[in-house]
Protein backbone atom coordinates (compact mmCIF):
# COMPACT_ATOMS: atom_id res chain seq x y z
CA UNK A 1 0.00 0.00 0.00
CA UNK A 2 1.42 3.39 -0.98
CA UNK A 3 1.87 6.10 1.69
CA UNK A 4 -1.07 8.19 0.48
CA UNK A 5 -3.43 5.23 0.85
CA UNK A 6 -2.12 4.40 4.33
CA UNK A 7 -2.57 7.98 5.48
CA UNK A 8 -6.09 8.12 4.06
CA UNK A 9 -7.18 4.91 5.77
CA UNK A 10 -5.55 5.81 9.08
CA UNK A 11 -7.14 9.25 8.98
CA UNK A 12 -10.55 7.73 8.24
CA UNK A 13 -10.14 5.40 11.22
CA UNK A 14 -9.25 8.31 13.49
CA UNK A 15 -12.13 10.43 12.24
CA UNK A 16 -14.51 7.56 12.94
CA UNK A 17 -13.11 7.15 16.45
CA UNK A 18 -13.07 10.86 17.39
CA UNK A 19 -16.35 11.95 15.82
CA UNK A 20 -17.39 15.01 13.82
CA UNK A 21 -16.79 17.61 16.55
CA UNK A 22 -13.17 16.75 17.33
CA UNK A 23 -10.81 19.75 17.14
CA UNK A 24 -8.16 20.16 14.45
CA UNK A 25 -5.17 22.45 13.96
CA UNK A 26 -6.99 24.15 11.06
CA UNK A 27 -8.43 27.40 12.39
CA UNK A 28 -12.22 27.27 12.53
CA UNK A 29 -12.43 23.64 11.45
CA UNK A 30 -13.73 20.65 13.34
CA UNK A 31 -13.28 17.09 12.14
CA UNK A 32 -16.40 17.32 9.97
CA UNK A 33 -14.95 20.32 8.10
CA UNK A 34 -11.66 18.54 7.54
CA UNK A 35 -13.37 15.43 6.21
CA UNK A 36 -15.57 17.50 3.89
CA UNK A 37 -12.54 19.37 2.56
CA UNK A 38 -10.78 16.14 1.67
CA UNK A 39 -13.86 14.54 0.08
CA UNK A 40 -14.39 17.70 -1.97
CA UNK A 41 -10.76 17.65 -3.05
CA UNK A 42 -11.04 13.98 -4.10
CA UNK A 43 -14.37 14.23 -5.90
CA UNK A 44 -14.99 17.84 -6.98
CA UNK A 45 -11.98 19.20 -8.88
CA UNK A 46 -14.14 22.09 -10.11
CA UNK A 47 -14.56 23.29 -6.54
CA UNK A 48 -11.04 22.45 -5.40
CA UNK A 49 -9.60 25.17 -7.65
CA UNK A 50 -10.92 27.74 -5.19
CA UNK A 51 -8.48 26.47 -2.56
CA UNK A 52 -5.69 28.31 -4.37
CA UNK A 53 -7.63 30.78 -6.58
CA UNK A 54 -9.20 33.33 -4.27
CA UNK A 55 -11.82 34.58 -6.74
CA UNK A 56 -13.35 31.07 -6.76
CA UNK A 57 -13.22 30.56 -2.99
CA UNK A 58 -16.94 31.27 -2.56
CA UNK A 59 -17.87 28.35 -4.81
CA UNK A 60 -15.41 26.15 -2.95
CA UNK A 61 -16.90 27.08 0.42
CA UNK A 62 -20.46 26.37 -0.77
CA UNK A 63 -19.55 22.95 -2.15
CA UNK A 64 -17.60 22.02 0.98
CA UNK A 65 -20.50 23.04 3.20
CA UNK A 66 -22.93 21.01 1.10
CA UNK A 67 -20.71 17.94 1.38
CA UNK A 68 -20.28 18.46 5.13
CA UNK A 69 -23.97 18.91 5.90
CA UNK A 70 -25.54 16.76 3.20
CA UNK A 71 -24.89 13.28 4.59
CA UNK A 72 -24.50 11.38 7.85
CA UNK A 73 -21.08 11.41 9.48
CA UNK A 74 -20.36 7.72 8.86
CA UNK A 75 -21.17 8.13 5.18
CA UNK A 76 -18.87 11.14 4.91
CA UNK A 77 -16.01 9.21 6.53
CA UNK A 78 -16.61 6.23 4.27
CA UNK A 79 -16.48 8.48 1.21
CA UNK A 80 -13.13 9.77 2.38
CA UNK A 81 -11.89 6.24 3.02
CA UNK A 82 -12.83 5.08 -0.49
CA UNK A 83 -10.50 7.63 -2.08
CA UNK A 84 -10.68 9.49 -5.38
CA UNK A 85 -12.30 8.10 -8.54
CA UNK A 86 -10.37 6.80 -11.55
CA UNK A 87 -7.90 7.94 -12.89
CA UNK A 88 -6.94 9.84 -9.71
CA UNK A 89 -7.02 6.54 -7.81
CA UNK A 90 -4.09 5.17 -9.82
CA UNK A 91 -1.18 4.72 -7.38
CA UNK A 92 1.18 7.01 -9.33
CA UNK A 93 -1.39 9.81 -9.46
CA UNK A 94 -2.69 9.28 -5.93
CA UNK A 95 0.83 9.25 -4.54
CA UNK A 96 1.97 12.42 -6.28
CA UNK A 97 -1.17 14.39 -5.48
CA UNK A 98 -2.20 13.14 -2.05
CA UNK A 99 0.80 11.97 -0.01
CA UNK A 100 1.50 15.38 1.51
CA UNK A 101 -2.16 16.44 1.68
CA UNK A 102 -3.28 13.45 3.70
CA UNK A 103 -0.19 13.38 5.90
CA UNK A 104 -0.60 17.05 6.87
CA UNK A 105 -4.32 16.78 7.54
CA UNK A 106 -3.89 13.51 9.44
CA UNK A 107 -1.47 15.36 11.72
CA UNK A 108 -3.85 18.34 11.90
CA UNK A 109 -6.33 16.00 13.53
CA UNK A 110 -3.85 13.95 15.59
CA UNK A 111 -1.93 16.88 17.07
CA UNK A 112 -5.04 18.76 18.08
CA UNK A 113 -5.86 15.99 20.55
CA UNK A 114 -4.48 16.25 24.11
CA UNK A 115 -3.06 12.73 24.11
CA UNK A 116 -1.27 12.77 20.76
CA UNK A 117 2.20 11.24 20.51
CA UNK A 118 4.83 11.10 17.75
CA UNK A 119 4.55 8.19 15.35
CA UNK A 120 6.88 6.35 13.00
CA UNK A 121 5.44 6.73 9.50
CA UNK A 122 8.04 4.45 7.89
CA UNK A 123 10.95 5.06 5.56
CA UNK A 124 8.85 4.90 2.38
CA UNK A 125 6.56 7.66 3.69
CA UNK A 126 9.49 9.80 4.86
CA UNK A 127 11.15 9.45 1.45
CA UNK A 128 7.93 10.30 -0.37
CA UNK A 129 7.39 13.34 1.84
CA UNK A 130 10.97 14.52 1.26
CA UNK A 131 10.58 14.24 -2.52
CA UNK A 132 7.36 16.20 -2.39
CA UNK A 133 8.87 18.83 -0.14
CA UNK A 134 11.75 19.27 -2.58
CA UNK A 135 9.21 20.14 -5.30
CA UNK A 136 7.11 22.43 -3.13
CA UNK A 137 9.69 24.13 -0.91
CA UNK A 138 10.11 27.31 -2.95
CA UNK A 139 6.37 27.90 -3.12
CA UNK A 140 5.79 27.15 0.55
CA UNK A 141 8.53 29.53 1.74
CA UNK A 142 8.00 32.28 -0.83
CA UNK A 143 6.84 34.77 1.83
CA UNK A 144 9.86 34.22 4.06
CA UNK A 145 11.89 37.42 4.61
CA UNK A 146 15.10 35.36 5.01
CA UNK A 147 16.80 32.50 3.26
CA UNK A 148 15.68 28.98 4.18
CA UNK A 149 17.59 25.71 4.01
CA UNK A 150 15.81 22.48 4.95
CA UNK A 151 17.93 19.72 6.46
CA UNK A 152 16.87 16.15 7.26
CA UNK A 153 19.51 13.81 8.71
CA UNK A 154 20.83 11.39 6.09
CA UNK A 155 19.38 13.33 3.14
CA UNK A 156 20.64 16.07 0.85
CA UNK A 157 19.64 19.55 2.01
CA UNK A 158 16.96 21.49 0.15
CA UNK A 159 17.55 25.19 -0.44
CA UNK A 160 14.00 26.47 -0.24
CA UNK A 161 14.75 30.18 -0.50
CA UNK A 162 17.98 31.92 -1.45
CA UNK A 163 18.52 35.08 0.57
CA UNK A 164 20.84 36.54 3.18
CA UNK A 165 20.75 36.01 6.09
CA UNK A 166 19.65 32.39 5.95
CA UNK A 167 18.22 29.99 8.51
CA UNK A 168 18.64 26.22 8.46
CA UNK A 169 15.60 24.28 9.62
CA UNK A 170 16.35 20.70 10.70
CA UNK A 171 13.97 17.84 11.37
CA UNK A 172 12.59 14.64 9.91
CA UNK A 173 10.92 14.97 6.50
CA UNK A 174 7.48 14.75 8.09
CA UNK A 175 8.21 17.47 10.64
CA UNK A 176 9.69 19.72 7.96
CA UNK A 177 6.62 19.23 5.78
CA UNK A 178 4.40 20.31 8.67
CA UNK A 179 6.64 23.30 9.38
CA UNK A 180 6.68 24.40 5.73
CA UNK A 181 2.90 24.10 5.52
CA UNK A 182 2.53 26.61 8.35
CA UNK A 183 2.22 24.23 11.30
CA UNK A 184 5.36 25.55 12.97
CA UNK A 185 3.84 25.59 16.44
CA UNK A 186 3.11 21.87 16.20
CA UNK A 187 6.21 20.72 14.33
CA UNK A 188 9.36 19.41 16.00
CA UNK A 189 12.16 21.23 14.18
CA UNK A 190 15.34 23.08 15.13
CA UNK A 191 16.31 26.47 13.69
CA UNK A 192 19.93 27.54 13.26
CA UNK A 193 20.95 31.02 12.19
CA UNK A 194 21.20 34.59 13.40
CA UNK A 195 18.70 35.19 16.22
CA UNK A 196 17.01 38.06 14.39
CA UNK A 197 16.69 35.97 11.23
CA UNK A 198 15.14 33.16 13.25
CA UNK A 199 12.60 35.57 14.74
CA UNK A 200 11.71 36.97 11.33
CA UNK A 201 11.27 33.49 9.91
CA UNK A 202 9.12 32.43 12.88
CA UNK A 203 6.74 35.32 12.10
CA UNK A 204 6.51 34.53 8.37
CA UNK A 205 3.34 33.11 6.88
CA UNK A 206 4.39 29.84 5.28
CA UNK A 207 2.39 27.40 3.19
CA UNK A 208 0.13 27.68 0.19
């Protein structure tokens, strides 16, 4: 089973266990909102465009609300578990599009719970996350006022943003993905660089 499929199934299990009102790290979202977002992303590409194109965000919000409120909780979770339709369900497509998305949102739910603990996602997942981060790093750190280098032990560094001064951010691939997607408060990473540069980076709005 590819990492994206494992994350999807594990997230569906956790959603089922915690229920629709469980908190998440996504501001203003409960578990039901998170599940609806992912089902919309899997099944309504027309609406998903509004996630990144602000002028279409109203349509996206309406579709997500309709998915969230238009079916029982168990049915919503089962739709998420079943994954995207063909051809997006093909492992190569699913892996490239959904590995990071489902990992980040799985952690959004896990780390919002008071009893969460770190987990070992496996070497194949860490490698897949690192490859994805290498492709996305420049976009995710584009608003940083300082240079950014991402370092994961045993892997080649990724220069996310070239600027002076620069800060090196070190962690596992999964933690660096969370950090780069704007979950810095929940990610376990270490920053190395001039103190002022670290402070400026900590205040930057990262992510898509």
